[in-house]
Amino acid sequence: MTDYRSIKYKVPTLNLDGTTEASPVEGEMWYDSGKFYLGTSQSFTGVWSSGGNLLAATSNSASAGTQTAGLTMGGHTGSYLDTSEEYNGTSWSAGGDLSLARYGLGGCGTQTAGLCWAGYQSPDLRVLTEEYDGSSWSAGGDVAVAIYYVGACGTQTAGLTFSGRHSPTNSDKTQEYDGTSWSAGGDLSVAKNQPGGAGTQTAGLCFGGNISGTVQNATEEYDGTSWSSGGNITTAVQNVASAGLQTAALCAGGVTQESPTVVRTAVTQEYNGTAWSAGGNISIARGSLKGAGTQAAGLCWGGTTGSYISTSEEYTSPGTGSYDELFTASQGL
């Protein structure tokens, strides 16, 4: 008679915090923390966890980099900031100062090759572009029009800026940076300010934003020449943290209503190149925050709830596959 108690079963390990040894397959059994799960077609959302706090609570800064090598520059914390901070995946430290304090500026690139431009410092909008080498900022080519609250994506040598506000009107203009100077790109379908941005100069994404006080849900995709309509964002939002690519973008937090009172959200949304779907909420509903990284490994920081925020959060997306709980290990096979 077979002794079934002596048979050993090899069950793959599954971490439901968003990391797996391999992508789960429908019908396979998985194990995590004393429980067994079966791969199904049900999906799980990504998860935000606490990161290190900023040295200075700030809103409306510019952003660049990744989850383990982030960069924030400029912003507002009751006064205009000229500071930069660098994130190493655990904590923030001081970087080189900008030559001009301002907020509402655009930013892209990496921690060692960052780019920022435009912005506002009372009483004027700015055209200044600055380039970062990991230690200090130096002047680049000016943007064509003084502007702030822009959308942004790309790299230091292939940056993209679009939309924004050049008081008293919004902009539908796009400009492309080649590492030396800005040139005109294709216009958006509608002028707006404070949208989210993701992707590259030749595969950019613009979503949400504000038109005449109304928060928007439109998404547009850029091919390096012109913009075309993408899938509408599920929750209309502006002044968000954004990250990722045109086909794998991340949008977190932001403002869903400007008046008669400001309403801020903790909602996270993910784009797959066609449609938006829900991700895991950030811990604090806030607007005017910033983001970096990818859809699978995102980072957000700062912003305001009415008070300036120093909190950072890190996003981990579980990727493909999903799981149903079967039973605990103590119940036996």
C-alpha atoms as a PDB file:
ATOM      1  CA  MET A   1       0.000   0.000   0.000  1.00  0.00           C
ATOM      2  CA  THR A   2       1.397   3.403  -0.961  1.00  0.00           C
ATOM      3  CA  ASP A   3       2.426   5.678   1.914  1.00  0.00           C
ATOM      4  CA  TYR A   4       1.069   9.007   0.631  1.00  0.00           C
ATOM      5  CA  ARG A   5       2.301  10.867   3.715  1.00  0.00           C
ATOM      6  CA  SER A   6       5.896  10.285   2.622  1.00  0.00           C
ATOM      7  CA  ILE A   7       5.401  11.870  -0.816  1.00  0.00           C
ATOM      8  CA  LYS A   8       6.983  15.336  -1.153  1.00  0.00           C
ATOM      9  CA  TYR A   9       5.333  17.974  -3.323  1.00  0.00           C
ATOM     10  CA  LYS A  10       7.389  20.768  -4.875  1.00  0.00           C
ATOM     11  CA  VAL A  11       5.171  23.894  -4.975  1.00  0.00           C
ATOM     12  CA  PRO A  12       6.496  27.179  -6.443  1.00  0.00           C
ATOM     13  CA  THR A  13       6.753  30.158  -4.117  1.00  0.00           C
ATOM     14  CA  LEU A  14       4.436  33.125  -4.722  1.00  0.00           C
ATOM     15  CA  ASN A  15       4.845  36.521  -3.057  1.00  0.00           C
ATOM     16  CA  LEU A  16       1.562  38.414  -3.058  1.00  0.00           C
ATOM     17  CA  ASP A  17       3.337  41.706  -2.377  1.00  0.00           C
ATOM     18  CA  GLY A  18       3.862  41.935  -6.107  1.00  0.00           C
ATOM     19  CA  THR A  19       6.999  39.858  -6.669  1.00  0.00           C
ATOM     20  CA  THR A  20       7.076  36.285  -7.946  1.00  0.00           C
ATOM     21  CA  GLU A  21       9.679  33.699  -8.758  1.00  0.00           C
ATOM     22  CA  ALA A  22       7.860  33.297 -12.075  1.00  0.00           C
ATOM     23  CA  SER A  23       4.612  34.483 -13.589  1.00  0.00           C
ATOM     24  CA  PRO A  24       1.730  32.308 -12.324  1.00  0.00           C
ATOM     25  CA  VAL A  25      -0.029  30.156 -14.887  1.00  0.00           C
ATOM     26  CA  GLU A  26      -3.724  29.327 -14.787  1.00  0.00           C
ATOM     27  CA  GLY A  27      -4.227  25.906 -13.150  1.00  0.00           C
ATOM     28  CA  GLU A  28      -0.863  25.853 -11.312  1.00  0.00           C
ATOM     29  CA  MET A  29      -0.642  25.800  -7.528  1.00  0.00           C
ATOM     30  CA  TRP A  30       1.405  28.437  -5.674  1.00  0.00           C
ATOM     31  CA  TYR A  31       2.459  28.911  -2.042  1.00  0.00           C
ATOM     32  CA  ASP A  32       2.933  32.023   0.112  1.00  0.00           C
ATOM     33  CA  SER A  33       3.119  32.523   3.886  1.00  0.00           C
ATOM     34  CA  GLY A  34       1.430  29.302   4.936  1.00  0.00           C
ATOM     35  CA  LYS A  35      -1.300  29.330   2.285  1.00  0.00           C
ATOM     36  CA  PHE A  36      -1.723  27.613  -1.080  1.00  0.00           C
ATOM     37  CA  TYR A  37      -3.158  29.427  -4.112  1.00  0.00           C
ATOM     38  CA  LEU A  38      -4.346  28.380  -7.549  1.00  0.00           C
ATOM     39  CA  GLY A  39      -3.551  30.424 -10.649  1.00  0.00           C
ATOM     40  CA  THR A  40      -6.747  31.911 -12.119  1.00  0.00           C
ATOM     41  CA  SER A  41      -7.771  34.651 -14.522  1.00  0.00           C
ATOM     42  CA  GLN A  42      -8.674  37.029 -11.677  1.00  0.00           C
ATOM     43  CA  SER A  43      -6.333  40.034 -11.502  1.00  0.00           C
ATOM     44  CA  PHE A  44      -4.668  41.775  -8.561  1.00  0.00           C
ATOM     45  CA  THR A  45      -3.643  45.436  -8.435  1.00  0.00           C
ATOM     46  CA  GLY A  46      -0.204  46.849  -7.707  1.00  0.00           C
ATOM     47  CA  VAL A  47       0.798  47.880  -4.195  1.00  0.00           C
ATOM     48  CA  TRP A  48       2.295  51.110  -2.798  1.00  0.00           C
ATOM     49  CA  SER A  49       4.673  50.960   0.187  1.00  0.00           C
ATOM     50  CA  SER A  50       6.396  53.659   2.223  1.00  0.00           C
ATOM     51  CA  GLY A  51       9.656  55.155   0.975  1.00  0.00           C
ATOM     52  CA  GLY A  52      12.022  57.664   2.562  1.00  0.00           C
ATOM     53  CA  ASN A  53      10.756  61.173   3.268  1.00  0.00           C
ATOM     54  CA  LEU A  54      11.960  64.173   1.284  1.00  0.00           C
ATOM     55  CA  LEU A  55      14.368  66.522   3.040  1.00  0.00           C
ATOM     56  CA  ALA A  56      11.911  69.353   2.311  1.00  0.00           C
ATOM     57  CA  ALA A  57       8.166  68.909   1.832  1.00  0.00           C
ATOM     58  CA  THR A  58       7.339  70.292  -1.605  1.00  0.00           C
ATOM     59  CA  SER A  59       4.722  70.536  -4.336  1.00  0.00           C
ATOM     60  CA  ASN A  60       4.827  71.192  -8.082  1.00  0.00           C
ATOM     61  CA  SER A  61       8.466  70.185  -8.464  1.00  0.00           C
ATOM     62  CA  ALA A  62       9.932  68.508 -11.573  1.00  0.00           C
ATOM     63  CA  SER A  63      10.930  64.853 -11.706  1.00  0.00           C
ATOM     64  CA  ALA A  64      13.303  62.407 -13.371  1.00  0.00           C
ATOM     65  CA  GLY A  65      14.830  58.998 -12.839  1.00  0.00           C
ATOM     66  CA  THR A  66      13.710  55.640 -11.476  1.00  0.00           C
ATOM     67  CA  GLN A  67      12.406  54.073  -8.281  1.00  0.00           C
ATOM     68  CA  THR A  68      15.953  53.441  -7.031  1.00  0.00           C
ATOM     69  CA  ALA A  69      17.552  56.537  -8.580  1.00  0.00           C
ATOM     70  CA  GLY A  70      15.005  59.346  -8.486  1.00  0.00           C
ATOM     71  CA  LEU A  71      15.517  63.083  -8.914  1.00  0.00           C
ATOM     72  CA  THR A  72      13.321  66.001  -7.841  1.00  0.00           C
ATOM     73  CA  MET A  73      14.110  69.657  -8.543  1.00  0.00           C
ATOM     74  CA  GLY A  74      12.499  73.000  -7.863  1.00  0.00           C
ATOM     75  CA  GLY A  75       8.975  73.265  -6.495  1.00  0.00           C
ATOM     76  CA  HIS A  76       7.142  75.245  -3.867  1.00  0.00           C
ATOM     77  CA  THR A  77       6.941  74.899  -0.098  1.00  0.00           C
ATOM     78  CA  GLY A  78       5.677  78.315   0.930  1.00  0.00           C
ATOM     79  CA  SER A  79       8.560  79.768  -1.063  1.00  0.00           C
ATOM     80  CA  TYR A  80      10.154  78.964  -4.427  1.00  0.00           C
ATOM     81  CA  LEU A  81      12.790  76.219  -4.320  1.00  0.00           C
ATOM     82  CA  ASP A  82      16.083  76.025  -6.208  1.00  0.00           C
ATOM     83  CA  THR A  83      17.089  72.742  -4.550  1.00  0.00           C
ATOM     84  CA  SER A  84      17.424  69.231  -5.953  1.00  0.00           C
ATOM     85  CA  GLU A  85      17.159  65.945  -4.081  1.00  0.00           C
ATOM     86  CA  GLU A  86      18.299  62.479  -5.143  1.00  0.00           C
ATOM     87  CA  TYR A  87      16.686  59.167  -4.093  1.00  0.00           C
ATOM     88  CA  ASN A  88      18.658  55.922  -3.783  1.00  0.00           C
ATOM     89  CA  GLY A  89      15.753  53.564  -3.177  1.00  0.00           C
ATOM     90  CA  THR A  90      15.820  54.175   0.572  1.00  0.00           C
ATOM     91  CA  SER A  91      16.426  57.836   1.366  1.00  0.00           C
ATOM     92  CA  TRP A  92      16.713  61.293  -0.189  1.00  0.00           C
ATOM     93  CA  SER A  93      19.913  63.390  -0.138  1.00  0.00           C
ATOM     94  CA  ALA A  94      20.788  66.863  -1.364  1.00  0.00           C
ATOM     95  CA  GLY A  95      21.814  67.345  -4.986  1.00  0.00           C
ATOM     96  CA  GLY A  96      23.070  70.426  -6.807  1.00  0.00           C
ATOM     97  CA  ASP A  97      21.013  73.630  -6.758  1.00  0.00           C
ATOM     98  CA  LEU A  98      19.240  75.027  -9.809  1.00  0.00           C
ATOM     99  CA  SER A  99      20.372  78.441 -11.005  1.00  0.00           C
ATOM    100  CA  LEU A 100      16.788  79.723 -10.667  1.00  0.00           C
ATOM    101  CA  ALA A 101      14.189  78.869  -8.024  1.00  0.00           C
ATOM    102  CA  ARG A 102      10.770  78.095  -9.561  1.00  0.00           C
ATOM    103  CA  TYR A 103       7.795  75.740  -9.524  1.00  0.00           C
ATOM    104  CA  GLY A 104       5.475  74.198 -12.114  1.00  0.00           C
ATOM    105  CA  LEU A 105       8.507  73.397 -14.269  1.00  0.00           C
ATOM    106  CA  GLY A 106       8.924  70.386 -16.555  1.00  0.00           C
ATOM    107  CA  GLY A 107      11.436  67.615 -15.996  1.00  0.00           C
ATOM    108  CA  CYS A 108      12.672  64.337 -17.484  1.00  0.00           C
ATOM    109  CA  GLY A 109      15.765  62.168 -17.885  1.00  0.00           C
ATOM    110  CA  THR A 110      17.763  60.333 -15.241  1.00  0.00           C
ATOM    111  CA  GLN A 111      19.403  61.102 -11.917  1.00  0.00           C
ATOM    112  CA  THR A 112      22.769  61.589 -13.632  1.00  0.00           C
ATOM    113  CA  ALA A 113      21.438  63.157 -16.836  1.00  0.00           C
ATOM    114  CA  GLY A 114      18.412  65.221 -15.857  1.00  0.00           C
ATOM    115  CA  LEU A 115      16.625  68.016 -17.676  1.00  0.00           C
ATOM    116  CA  CYS A 116      14.285  70.736 -16.424  1.00  0.00           C
ATOM    117  CA  TRP A 117      12.733  73.771 -18.100  1.00  0.00           C
ATOM    118  CA  ALA A 118      10.293  76.676 -17.835  1.00  0.00           C
ATOM    119  CA  GLY A 119       8.279  77.207 -14.617  1.00  0.00           C
ATOM    120  CA  TYR A 120       7.119  80.167 -12.572  1.00  0.00           C
ATOM    121  CA  GLN A 121       8.829  82.506 -10.149  1.00  0.00           C
ATOM    122  CA  SER A 122       6.885  85.617  -9.237  1.00  0.00           C
ATOM    123  CA  PRO A 123       6.208  87.783 -11.093  1.00  0.00           C
ATOM    124  CA  ASP A 124       7.223  86.018 -14.301  1.00  0.00           C
ATOM    125  CA  LEU A 125       6.944  82.785 -16.249  1.00  0.00           C
ATOM    126  CA  ARG A 126      10.326  81.417 -17.317  1.00  0.00           C
ATOM    127  CA  VAL A 127      11.985  79.995 -20.436  1.00  0.00           C
ATOM    128  CA  LEU A 128      15.186  78.694 -18.820  1.00  0.00           C
ATOM    129  CA  THR A 129      16.326  75.107 -19.474  1.00  0.00           C
ATOM    130  CA  GLU A 130      18.894  73.427 -17.212  1.00  0.00           C
ATOM    131  CA  GLU A 131      20.809  70.154 -17.562  1.00  0.00           C
ATOM    132  CA  TYR A 132      22.037  67.986 -14.655  1.00  0.00           C
ATOM    133  CA  ASP A 133      25.153  65.794 -14.669  1.00  0.00           C
ATOM    134  CA  GLY A 134      24.611  64.140 -11.296  1.00  0.00           C
ATOM    135  CA  SER A 135      26.314  66.957  -9.385  1.00  0.00           C
ATOM    136  CA  SER A 136      25.486  70.342 -10.853  1.00  0.00           C
ATOM    137  CA  TRP A 137      23.121  72.128 -13.212  1.00  0.00           C
ATOM    138  CA  SER A 138      24.172  74.070 -16.309  1.00  0.00           C
ATOM    139  CA  ALA A 139      22.224  76.139 -18.831  1.00  0.00           C
ATOM    140  CA  GLY A 140      20.659  74.524 -21.894  1.00  0.00           C
ATOM    141  CA  GLY A 141      18.643  76.061 -24.724  1.00  0.00           C
ATOM    142  CA  ASP A 142      15.606  78.122 -23.735  1.00  0.00           C
ATOM    143  CA  VAL A 143      12.068  76.949 -24.520  1.00  0.00           C
ATOM    144  CA  ALA A 144      10.351  79.041 -27.180  1.00  0.00           C
ATOM    145  CA  VAL A 145       7.599  80.389 -24.907  1.00  0.00           C
ATOM    146  CA  ALA A 146       7.628  81.197 -21.188  1.00  0.00           C
ATOM    147  CA  ILE A 147       5.261  78.639 -19.640  1.00  0.00           C
ATOM    148  CA  TYR A 148       4.491  76.483 -16.596  1.00  0.00           C
ATOM    149  CA  TYR A 149       2.294  73.530 -15.549  1.00  0.00           C
ATOM    150  CA  VAL A 150       3.526  71.573 -18.583  1.00  0.00           C
ATOM    151  CA  GLY A 151       3.414  67.887 -19.453  1.00  0.00           C
ATOM    152  CA  ALA A 152       6.811  66.239 -19.782  1.00  0.00           C
ATOM    153  CA  CYS A 153       8.637  63.051 -20.749  1.00  0.00           C
ATOM    154  CA  GLY A 154      11.779  61.826 -22.500  1.00  0.00           C
ATOM    155  CA  THR A 155      15.501  62.181 -21.824  1.00  0.00           C
ATOM    156  CA  GLN A 156      18.109  64.911 -21.484  1.00  0.00           C
ATOM    157  CA  THR A 157      18.993  64.655 -25.179  1.00  0.00           C
ATOM    158  CA  ALA A 158      15.483  63.844 -26.400  1.00  0.00           C
ATOM    159  CA  GLY A 159      13.038  65.694 -24.177  1.00  0.00           C
ATOM    160  CA  LEU A 160       9.388  66.427 -24.842  1.00  0.00           C
ATOM    161  CA  THR A 161       7.235  69.223 -23.389  1.00  0.00           C
ATOM    162  CA  PHE A 162       3.569  69.746 -24.204  1.00  0.00           C
ATOM    163  CA  SER A 163       0.576  71.785 -23.096  1.00  0.00           C
ATOM    164  CA  GLY A 164       0.910  74.140 -20.100  1.00  0.00           C
ATOM    165  CA  ARG A 165      -0.177  77.610 -19.157  1.00  0.00           C
ATOM    166  CA  HIS A 166       1.241  80.854 -20.497  1.00  0.00           C
ATOM    167  CA  SER A 167      -0.982  83.284 -18.616  1.00  0.00           C
ATOM    168  CA  PRO A 168      -3.784  83.949 -19.198  1.00  0.00           C
ATOM    169  CA  THR A 169      -4.304  81.072 -21.675  1.00  0.00           C
ATOM    170  CA  ASN A 170      -3.525  77.374 -21.990  1.00  0.00           C
ATOM    171  CA  SER A 171      -1.241  75.927 -24.646  1.00  0.00           C
ATOM    172  CA  ASP A 172      -1.706  73.108 -27.171  1.00  0.00           C
ATOM    173  CA  LYS A 173       1.935  73.356 -28.305  1.00  0.00           C
ATOM    174  CA  THR A 174       4.617  70.643 -28.229  1.00  0.00           C
ATOM    175  CA  GLN A 175       8.361  71.220 -28.221  1.00  0.00           C
ATOM    176  CA  GLU A 176      11.180  68.707 -28.678  1.00  0.00           C
ATOM    177  CA  TYR A 177      14.681  69.011 -27.161  1.00  0.00           C
ATOM    178  CA  ASP A 178      17.761  67.570 -28.887  1.00  0.00           C
ATOM    179  CA  GLY A 179      20.284  68.211 -26.119  1.00  0.00           C
ATOM    180  CA  THR A 180      20.980  71.737 -27.334  1.00  0.00           C
ATOM    181  CA  SER A 181      17.807  73.479 -28.465  1.00  0.00           C
ATOM    182  CA  TRP A 182      14.016  73.152 -28.605  1.00  0.00           C
ATOM    183  CA  SER A 183      12.019  72.884 -31.828  1.00  0.00           C
ATOM    184  CA  ALA A 184       8.302  72.734 -32.593  1.00  0.00           C
ATOM    185  CA  GLY A 185       6.458  69.404 -32.613  1.00  0.00           C
ATOM    186  CA  GLY A 186       2.851  68.567 -33.448  1.00  0.00           C
ATOM    187  CA  ASP A 187       0.017  70.307 -31.581  1.00  0.00           C
ATOM    188  CA  LEU A 188      -2.270  68.571 -29.110  1.00  0.00           C
ATOM    189  CA  SER A 189      -5.937  68.364 -30.097  1.00  0.00           C
ATOM    190  CA  VAL A 190      -6.839  70.804 -27.310  1.00  0.00           C
ATOM    191  CA  ALA A 191      -5.009  73.359 -25.156  1.00  0.00           C
ATOM    192  CA  LYS A 192      -4.737  72.387 -21.483  1.00  0.00           C
ATOM    193  CA  ASN A 193      -2.473  72.606 -18.440  1.00  0.00           C
ATOM    194  CA  GLN A 194      -1.318  70.290 -15.630  1.00  0.00           C
ATOM    195  CA  PRO A 195      -1.594  66.961 -17.513  1.00  0.00           C
ATOM    196  CA  GLY A 196       0.315  63.790 -16.722  1.00  0.00           C
ATOM    197  CA  GLY A 197       3.076  62.695 -19.081  1.00  0.00           C
ATOM    198  CA  ALA A 198       4.933  59.462 -19.817  1.00  0.00           C
ATOM    199  CA  GLY A 199       7.017  57.805 -22.493  1.00  0.00           C
ATOM    200  CA  THR A 200       9.638  59.118 -24.898  1.00  0.00           C
ATOM    201  CA  GLN A 201      10.023  61.885 -27.474  1.00  0.00           C
ATOM    202  CA  THR A 202       8.859  59.563 -30.261  1.00  0.00           C
ATOM    203  CA  ALA A 203       6.292  57.638 -28.191  1.00  0.00           C
ATOM    204  CA  GLY A 204       4.846  60.106 -25.699  1.00  0.00           C
ATOM    205  CA  LEU A 205       1.664  60.088 -23.654  1.00  0.00           C
ATOM    206  CA  CYS A 206      -0.432  63.003 -22.350  1.00  0.00           C
ATOM    207  CA  PHE A 207      -3.408  62.379 -20.057  1.00  0.00           C
ATOM    208  CA  GLY A 208      -5.809  64.298 -17.870  1.00  0.00           C
ATOM    209  CA  GLY A 209      -5.184  67.979 -17.241  1.00  0.00           C
ATOM    210  CA  ASN A 210      -7.336  71.071 -16.925  1.00  0.00           C
ATOM    211  CA  ILE A 211      -9.301  73.173 -19.423  1.00  0.00           C
ATOM    212  CA  SER A 212     -10.933  76.358 -18.137  1.00  0.00           C
ATOM    213  CA  GLY A 213     -11.252  75.032 -14.605  1.00  0.00           C
ATOM    214  CA  THR A 214     -12.626  71.629 -15.658  1.00  0.00           C
ATOM    215  CA  VAL A 215     -10.582  68.486 -14.990  1.00  0.00           C
ATOM    216  CA  GLN A 216     -10.162  66.289 -18.080  1.00  0.00           C
ATOM    217  CA  ASN A 217     -10.090  62.543 -18.838  1.00  0.00           C
ATOM    218  CA  ALA A 218      -8.679  62.602 -22.397  1.00  0.00           C
ATOM    219  CA  THR A 219      -5.510  60.706 -23.345  1.00  0.00           C
ATOM    220  CA  GLU A 220      -3.366  61.510 -26.391  1.00  0.00           C
ATOM    221  CA  GLU A 221      -0.442  59.544 -27.854  1.00  0.00           C
ATOM    222  CA  TYR A 222       2.535  61.088 -29.700  1.00  0.00           C
ATOM    223  CA  ASP A 223       4.470  59.339 -32.484  1.00  0.00           C
ATOM    224  CA  GLY A 224       7.241  61.920 -32.840  1.00  0.00           C
ATOM    225  CA  THR A 225       5.237  63.991 -35.302  1.00  0.00           C
ATOM    226  CA  SER A 226       1.580  64.179 -34.305  1.00  0.00           C
ATOM    227  CA  TRP A 227      -0.852  63.391 -31.479  1.00  0.00           C
ATOM    228  CA  SER A 228      -3.788  60.969 -31.730  1.00  0.00           C
ATOM    229  CA  SER A 229      -6.514  59.908 -29.311  1.00  0.00           C
ATOM    230  CA  GLY A 230      -5.900  57.126 -26.797  1.00  0.00           C
ATOM    231  CA  GLY A 231      -8.232  55.535 -24.263  1.00  0.00           C
ATOM    232  CA  ASN A 232      -9.837  57.956 -21.804  1.00  0.00           C
ATOM    233  CA  ILE A 233      -8.459  57.858 -18.291  1.00  0.00           C
ATOM    234  CA  THR A 234     -10.961  56.263 -15.879  1.00  0.00           C
ATOM    235  CA  THR A 235     -10.843  59.049 -13.279  1.00  0.00           C
ATOM    236  CA  ALA A 236     -10.445  62.560 -14.701  1.00  0.00           C
ATOM    237  CA  VAL A 237      -7.468  64.099 -12.931  1.00  0.00           C
ATOM    238  CA  GLN A 238      -4.797  66.814 -13.050  1.00  0.00           C
ATOM    239  CA  ASN A 239      -1.531  67.574 -11.235  1.00  0.00           C
ATOM    240  CA  VAL A 240      -0.646  63.886 -10.845  1.00  0.00           C
ATOM    241  CA  ALA A 241       2.425  61.733 -10.315  1.00  0.00           C
ATOM    242  CA  SER A 242       3.156  60.010 -13.618  1.00  0.00           C
ATOM    243  CA  ALA A 243       5.711  57.489 -14.854  1.00  0.00           C
ATOM    244  CA  GLY A 244       6.350  54.756 -17.390  1.00  0.00           C
ATOM    245  CA  LEU A 245       5.924  54.347 -21.124  1.00  0.00           C
ATOM    246  CA  GLN A 246       3.258  55.043 -23.721  1.00  0.00           C
ATOM    247  CA  THR A 247       2.234  51.377 -23.552  1.00  0.00           C
ATOM    248  CA  ALA A 248       2.744  50.935 -19.794  1.00  0.00           C
ATOM    249  CA  ALA A 249       2.043  54.210 -17.980  1.00  0.00           C
ATOM    250  CA  LEU A 250       1.312  54.944 -14.332  1.00  0.00           C
ATOM    251  CA  CYS A 251      -0.822  57.784 -12.934  1.00  0.00           C
ATOM    252  CA  ALA A 252      -1.209  58.336  -9.176  1.00  0.00           C
ATOM    253  CA  GLY A 253      -3.041  60.863  -7.028  1.00  0.00           C
ATOM    254  CA  GLY A 254      -3.884  64.327  -8.282  1.00  0.00           C
ATOM    255  CA  VAL A 255      -6.827  66.726  -8.234  1.00  0.00           C
ATOM    256  CA  THR A 256     -10.255  65.626  -9.487  1.00  0.00           C
ATOM    257  CA  GLN A 257     -12.078  68.920  -8.841  1.00  0.00           C
ATOM    258  CA  GLU A 258     -10.837  72.513  -8.613  1.00  0.00           C
ATOM    259  CA  SER A 259     -13.982  74.356  -7.556  1.00  0.00           C
ATOM    260  CA  PRO A 260     -16.007  75.209  -5.574  1.00  0.00           C
ATOM    261  CA  THR A 261     -13.623  73.195  -3.362  1.00  0.00           C
ATOM    262  CA  VAL A 262     -10.468  71.283  -4.251  1.00  0.00           C
ATOM    263  CA  VAL A 263     -10.913  67.496  -4.240  1.00  0.00           C
ATOM    264  CA  ARG A 264      -7.798  65.311  -4.210  1.00  0.00           C
ATOM    265  CA  THR A 265      -7.579  61.588  -4.876  1.00  0.00           C
ATOM    266  CA  ALA A 266      -5.481  58.575  -3.823  1.00  0.00           C
ATOM    267  CA  VAL A 267      -6.448  56.615  -6.950  1.00  0.00           C
ATOM    268  CA  THR A 268      -3.774  54.942  -9.095  1.00  0.00           C
ATOM    269  CA  GLN A 269      -4.421  54.166 -12.763  1.00  0.00           C
ATOM    270  CA  GLU A 270      -2.427  52.025 -15.219  1.00  0.00           C
ATOM    271  CA  TYR A 271      -2.388  52.344 -19.032  1.00  0.00           C
ATOM    272  CA  ASN A 272      -1.615  49.420 -21.350  1.00  0.00           C
ATOM    273  CA  GLY A 273      -1.447  51.373 -24.595  1.00  0.00           C
ATOM    274  CA  THR A 274      -5.183  51.053 -25.189  1.00  0.00           C
ATOM    275  CA  ALA A 275      -7.136  51.401 -21.948  1.00  0.00           C
ATOM    276  CA  TRP A 276      -6.744  52.498 -18.329  1.00  0.00           C
ATOM    277  CA  SER A 277      -7.436  50.228 -15.338  1.00  0.00           C
ATOM    278  CA  ALA A 278      -7.280  50.589 -11.559  1.00  0.00           C
ATOM    279  CA  GLY A 279      -4.089  50.093  -9.587  1.00  0.00           C
ATOM    280  CA  GLY A 280      -3.572  50.161  -5.826  1.00  0.00           C
ATOM    281  CA  ASN A 281      -4.251  53.471  -4.058  1.00  0.00           C
ATOM    282  CA  ILE A 282      -1.496  55.649  -2.611  1.00  0.00           C
ATOM    283  CA  SER A 283      -1.709  56.085   1.173  1.00  0.00           C
ATOM    284  CA  ILE A 284      -2.468  59.834   1.129  1.00  0.00           C
ATOM    285  CA  ALA A 285      -4.879  61.572  -1.258  1.00  0.00           C
ATOM    286  CA  ARG A 286      -2.907  64.548  -2.589  1.00  0.00           C
ATOM    287  CA  GLY A 287      -2.348  66.768  -5.585  1.00  0.00           C
ATOM    288  CA  SER A 288       0.708  68.489  -7.082  1.00  0.00           C
ATOM    289  CA  LEU A 289       2.868  65.408  -6.406  1.00  0.00           C
ATOM    290  CA  LYS A 290       5.508  64.023  -8.756  1.00  0.00           C
ATOM    291  CA  GLY A 291       6.533  60.585  -9.995  1.00  0.00           C
ATOM    292  CA  ALA A 292       9.274  58.619 -11.715  1.00  0.00           C
ATOM    293  CA  GLY A 293      10.175  55.078 -12.728  1.00  0.00           C
ATOM    294  CA  THR A 294       8.023  52.531 -14.509  1.00  0.00           C
ATOM    295  CA  GLN A 295       4.537  51.058 -14.199  1.00  0.00           C
ATOM    296  CA  ALA A 296       6.017  47.978 -12.504  1.00  0.00           C
ATOM    297  CA  ALA A 297       8.410  49.932 -10.268  1.00  0.00           C
ATOM    298  CA  GLY A 298       7.117  53.453  -9.713  1.00  0.00           C
ATOM    299  CA  LEU A 299       7.948  56.219  -7.264  1.00  0.00           C
ATOM    300  CA  CYS A 300       5.890  59.212  -6.113  1.00  0.00           C
ATOM    301  CA  TRP A 301       6.658  62.010  -3.676  1.00  0.00           C
ATOM    302  CA  GLY A 302       5.646  65.348  -2.275  1.00  0.00           C
ATOM    303  CA  GLY A 303       2.464  67.195  -3.148  1.00  0.00           C
ATOM    304  CA  THR A 304      -0.156  68.836  -1.008  1.00  0.00           C
ATOM    305  CA  THR A 305      -3.282  67.954   0.955  1.00  0.00           C
ATOM    306  CA  GLY A 306      -3.683  71.624   1.742  1.00  0.00           C
ATOM    307  CA  SER A 307      -0.406  71.226   3.626  1.00  0.00           C
ATOM    308  CA  TYR A 308       2.887  70.391   1.949  1.00  0.00           C
ATOM    309  CA  ILE A 309       3.864  66.699   2.017  1.00  0.00           C
ATOM    310  CA  SER A 310       7.312  65.099   2.380  1.00  0.00           C
ATOM    311  CA  THR A 311       6.074  61.514   1.973  1.00  0.00           C
ATOM    312  CA  SER A 312       7.442  59.188  -0.727  1.00  0.00           C
ATOM    313  CA  GLU A 313       5.845  55.938  -1.833  1.00  0.00           C
ATOM    314  CA  GLU A 314       7.105  53.067  -4.010  1.00  0.00           C
ATOM    315  CA  TYR A 315       4.893  51.065  -6.378  1.00  0.00           C
ATOM    316  CA  THR A 316       5.233  47.403  -7.224  1.00  0.00           C
ATOM    317  CA  SER A 317       2.952  45.930  -9.853  1.00  0.00           C
ATOM    318  CA  PRO A 318       2.297  42.169  -9.673  1.00  0.00           C
ATOM    319  CA  GLY A 319       2.512  41.833 -13.438  1.00  0.00           C
ATOM    320  CA  THR A 320       0.741  39.004 -15.255  1.00  0.00           C
ATOM    321  CA  GLY A 321      -1.240  36.222 -13.634  1.00  0.00           C
ATOM    322  CA  SER A 322      -3.469  36.073 -10.578  1.00  0.00           C
ATOM    323  CA  TYR A 323      -4.388  33.777  -7.737  1.00  0.00           C
ATOM    324  CA  ASP A 324      -7.235  32.232  -5.716  1.00  0.00           C
ATOM    325  CA  GLU A 325      -6.630  31.034  -2.162  1.00  0.00           C
ATOM    326  CA  LEU A 326      -7.199  27.287  -1.755  1.00  0.00           C
ATOM    327  CA  PHE A 327      -6.298  26.375   1.817  1.00  0.00           C
ATOM    328  CA  THR A 328      -3.691  26.911   4.527  1.00  0.00           C
ATOM    329  CA  ALA A 329      -0.690  24.642   4.979  1.00  0.00           C
ATOM    330  CA  SER A 330      -2.021  23.535   8.355  1.00  0.00           C
ATOM    331  CA  GLN A 331      -5.061  22.015   6.618  1.00  0.00           C
ATOM    332  CA  GLY A 332      -2.825  19.712   4.599  1.00  0.00           C
ATOM    333  CA  LEU A 333      -2.992  18.643   0.959  1.00  0.00           C
END
